[in-house]
């Protein structure tokens, strides 16, 4: 019975930690991974438009 109690406590701690992280990270509904991905796409597009990639030969 003691093993089950300690396992339940560990699972409960992990779940509460995940919930706290989610509340802290998404305070205004901003998805940080999505923002980072869009920023990378915009930077790549700007480099291509400014001809930073011209002269590279893909092998």
N, C-alpha and C. Protein backbone atom coordinates (compact mmCIF):
# COMPACT_ATOMS: atom_id res chain seq x y z
N UNK A 1 0.82 -1.20 0.00
CA UNK A 1 0.00 0.00 0.00
C UNK A 1 0.86 1.26 0.00
N UNK A 2 2.02 1.20 0.65
CA UNK A 2 2.90 2.37 0.72
C UNK A 2 3.45 2.73 -0.66
N UNK A 3 3.73 1.72 -1.46
CA UNK A 3 4.24 1.95 -2.81
C UNK A 3 3.19 2.66 -3.67
N UNK A 4 1.94 2.25 -3.56
CA UNK A 4 0.87 2.89 -4.32
C UNK A 4 0.67 4.34 -3.90
N UNK A 5 0.80 4.62 -2.60
CA UNK A 5 0.65 5.99 -2.11
C UNK A 5 1.76 6.89 -2.65
N UNK A 6 3.00 6.37 -2.62
CA UNK A 6 4.11 7.19 -3.11
C UNK A 6 4.02 7.39 -4.63
N UNK A 7 3.53 6.39 -5.35
CA UNK A 7 3.36 6.53 -6.80
C UNK A 7 2.27 7.54 -7.12
N UNK A 8 1.18 7.50 -6.35
CA UNK A 8 0.10 8.46 -6.56
C UNK A 8 0.57 9.88 -6.27
N UNK A 9 1.39 10.03 -5.23
CA UNK A 9 1.91 11.36 -4.90
C UNK A 9 2.84 11.87 -5.99
N UNK A 10 3.67 11.00 -6.55
CA UNK A 10 4.58 11.40 -7.62
C UNK A 10 3.81 11.80 -8.87
N UNK A 11 2.81 11.02 -9.22
CA UNK A 11 2.00 11.34 -10.41
C UNK A 11 1.26 12.66 -10.21
N UNK A 12 0.73 12.86 -9.02
CA UNK A 12 0.03 14.10 -8.72
C UNK A 12 0.97 15.31 -8.81
N UNK A 13 2.20 15.14 -8.33
CA UNK A 13 3.18 16.23 -8.40
C UNK A 13 3.52 16.57 -9.84
N UNK A 14 3.69 15.56 -10.68
CA UNK A 14 4.01 15.80 -12.09
C UNK A 14 2.85 16.50 -12.79
N UNK A 15 1.64 16.07 -12.53
CA UNK A 15 0.47 16.69 -13.17
C UNK A 15 0.33 18.14 -12.73
N UNK A 16 0.52 18.42 -11.44
CA UNK A 16 0.40 19.80 -10.98
C UNK A 16 1.52 20.67 -11.54
N UNK A 17 2.72 20.11 -11.71
CA UNK A 17 3.83 20.86 -12.31
C UNK A 17 3.51 21.20 -13.76
N UNK A 18 2.99 20.24 -14.51
CA UNK A 18 2.64 20.48 -15.92
C UNK A 18 1.55 21.56 -16.02
N UNK A 19 0.56 21.50 -15.14
CA UNK A 19 -0.51 22.51 -15.15
C UNK A 19 0.05 23.89 -14.83
N UNK A 20 0.96 23.97 -13.85
CA UNK A 20 1.55 25.26 -13.49
C UNK A 20 2.38 25.82 -14.63
N UNK A 21 3.14 24.98 -15.31
CA UNK A 21 3.94 25.42 -16.46
C UNK A 21 3.04 25.93 -17.57
N UNK A 22 1.95 25.23 -17.80
CA UNK A 22 1.04 25.65 -18.86
C UNK A 22 0.40 27.00 -18.53
N UNK A 23 0.01 27.18 -17.26
CA UNK A 23 -0.57 28.45 -16.85
C UNK A 23 0.43 29.58 -16.96
N UNK A 24 1.66 29.33 -16.59
CA UNK A 24 2.69 30.36 -16.63
C UNK A 24 3.09 30.70 -18.07
N UNK A 25 3.22 29.70 -18.93
CA UNK A 25 3.66 29.92 -20.30
C UNK A 25 2.61 30.53 -21.19
N UNK A 26 1.36 30.25 -20.95
CA UNK A 26 0.27 30.72 -21.81
C UNK A 26 -0.59 31.75 -21.10
N UNK A 27 0.04 32.73 -20.47
CA UNK A 27 -0.74 33.70 -19.71
C UNK A 27 -1.62 34.54 -20.62
N UNK A 28 -1.17 34.85 -21.81
CA UNK A 28 -1.99 35.66 -22.72
C UNK A 28 -2.36 34.88 -23.96
N UNK A 29 -2.29 33.57 -23.93
CA UNK A 29 -2.67 32.76 -25.07
C UNK A 29 -1.65 32.77 -26.19
N UNK A 30 -0.38 33.08 -25.88
CA UNK A 30 0.66 33.14 -26.91
C UNK A 30 1.37 31.80 -26.96
N UNK A 31 1.45 31.25 -28.14
CA UNK A 31 2.17 30.00 -28.35
C UNK A 31 3.60 30.34 -28.74
N UNK A 32 4.54 30.13 -27.82
CA UNK A 32 5.93 30.53 -28.06
C UNK A 32 6.56 29.76 -29.21
N UNK A 33 6.25 28.49 -29.36
CA UNK A 33 6.82 27.70 -30.46
C UNK A 33 6.31 28.21 -31.79
N UNK A 34 5.03 28.57 -31.86
CA UNK A 34 4.47 29.09 -33.10
C UNK A 34 5.08 30.42 -33.48
N UNK A 35 5.29 31.28 -32.49
CA UNK A 35 5.91 32.59 -32.77
C UNK A 35 7.33 32.39 -33.26
N UNK A 36 8.06 31.48 -32.63
CA UNK A 36 9.44 31.22 -33.03
C UNK A 36 9.51 30.69 -34.46
N UNK A 37 8.60 29.79 -34.81
CA UNK A 37 8.58 29.22 -36.16
C UNK A 37 8.27 30.27 -37.21
N UNK A 38 7.29 31.12 -36.91
CA UNK A 38 6.94 32.19 -37.86
C UNK A 38 8.08 33.18 -38.01
N UNK A 39 8.77 33.47 -36.92
CA UNK A 39 9.90 34.40 -36.99
C UNK A 39 11.01 33.82 -37.86
N UNK A 40 11.29 32.53 -37.73
CA UNK A 40 12.31 31.90 -38.55
C UNK A 40 11.93 31.93 -40.03
N UNK A 41 10.66 31.68 -40.33
CA UNK A 41 10.20 31.72 -41.71
C UNK A 41 10.35 33.12 -42.30
N UNK A 42 10.01 34.13 -41.51
CA UNK A 42 10.13 35.51 -42.01
C UNK A 42 11.60 35.89 -42.24
N UNK A 43 12.49 35.47 -41.33
CA UNK A 43 13.91 35.76 -41.51
C UNK A 43 14.45 35.08 -42.77
N UNK A 44 14.06 33.83 -42.98
CA UNK A 44 14.51 33.11 -44.17
C UNK A 44 14.01 33.79 -45.43
N UNK A 45 12.75 34.19 -45.44
CA UNK A 45 12.17 34.87 -46.60
C UNK A 45 12.88 36.19 -46.88
N UNK A 46 13.19 36.95 -45.82
CA UNK A 46 13.90 38.22 -45.99
C UNK A 46 15.29 38.00 -46.55
N UNK A 47 15.98 36.96 -46.11
CA UNK A 47 17.31 36.67 -46.63
C UNK A 47 17.25 36.28 -48.10
N UNK A 48 16.24 35.53 -48.46
CA UNK A 48 16.09 35.14 -49.86
C UNK A 48 15.77 36.35 -50.73
N UNK A 49 14.95 37.26 -50.22
CA UNK A 49 14.60 38.45 -50.98
C UNK A 49 15.78 39.40 -51.11
N UNK A 50 16.66 39.41 -50.12
CA UNK A 50 17.82 40.29 -50.20
C UNK A 50 18.99 39.60 -50.89
N UNK A 51 18.74 38.49 -51.50
CA UNK A 51 19.71 37.74 -52.30
C UNK A 51 20.89 37.24 -51.47
N UNK A 52 20.64 36.96 -50.20
CA UNK A 52 21.70 36.41 -49.35
C UNK A 52 22.03 34.98 -49.73
N UNK A 53 21.08 34.30 -50.34
CA UNK A 53 21.29 32.90 -50.69
C UNK A 53 21.87 32.72 -52.08
N UNK A 54 21.91 33.76 -52.90
CA UNK A 54 22.43 33.61 -54.26
C UNK A 54 23.93 33.34 -54.20
N UNK A 55 24.35 32.42 -55.01
CA UNK A 55 25.75 32.03 -55.02
C UNK A 55 25.99 30.74 -54.27
N UNK A 56 25.03 30.33 -53.45
CA UNK A 56 25.17 29.04 -52.78
C UNK A 56 24.85 27.94 -53.77
N UNK A 57 25.63 26.92 -53.76
CA UNK A 57 25.35 25.77 -54.61
C UNK A 57 24.98 24.59 -53.73
N UNK A 58 23.79 24.14 -53.91
CA UNK A 58 23.33 22.99 -53.14
C UNK A 58 23.91 21.72 -53.74
N UNK A 59 24.49 20.94 -52.91
CA UNK A 59 25.14 19.71 -53.39
C UNK A 59 24.45 18.51 -52.86
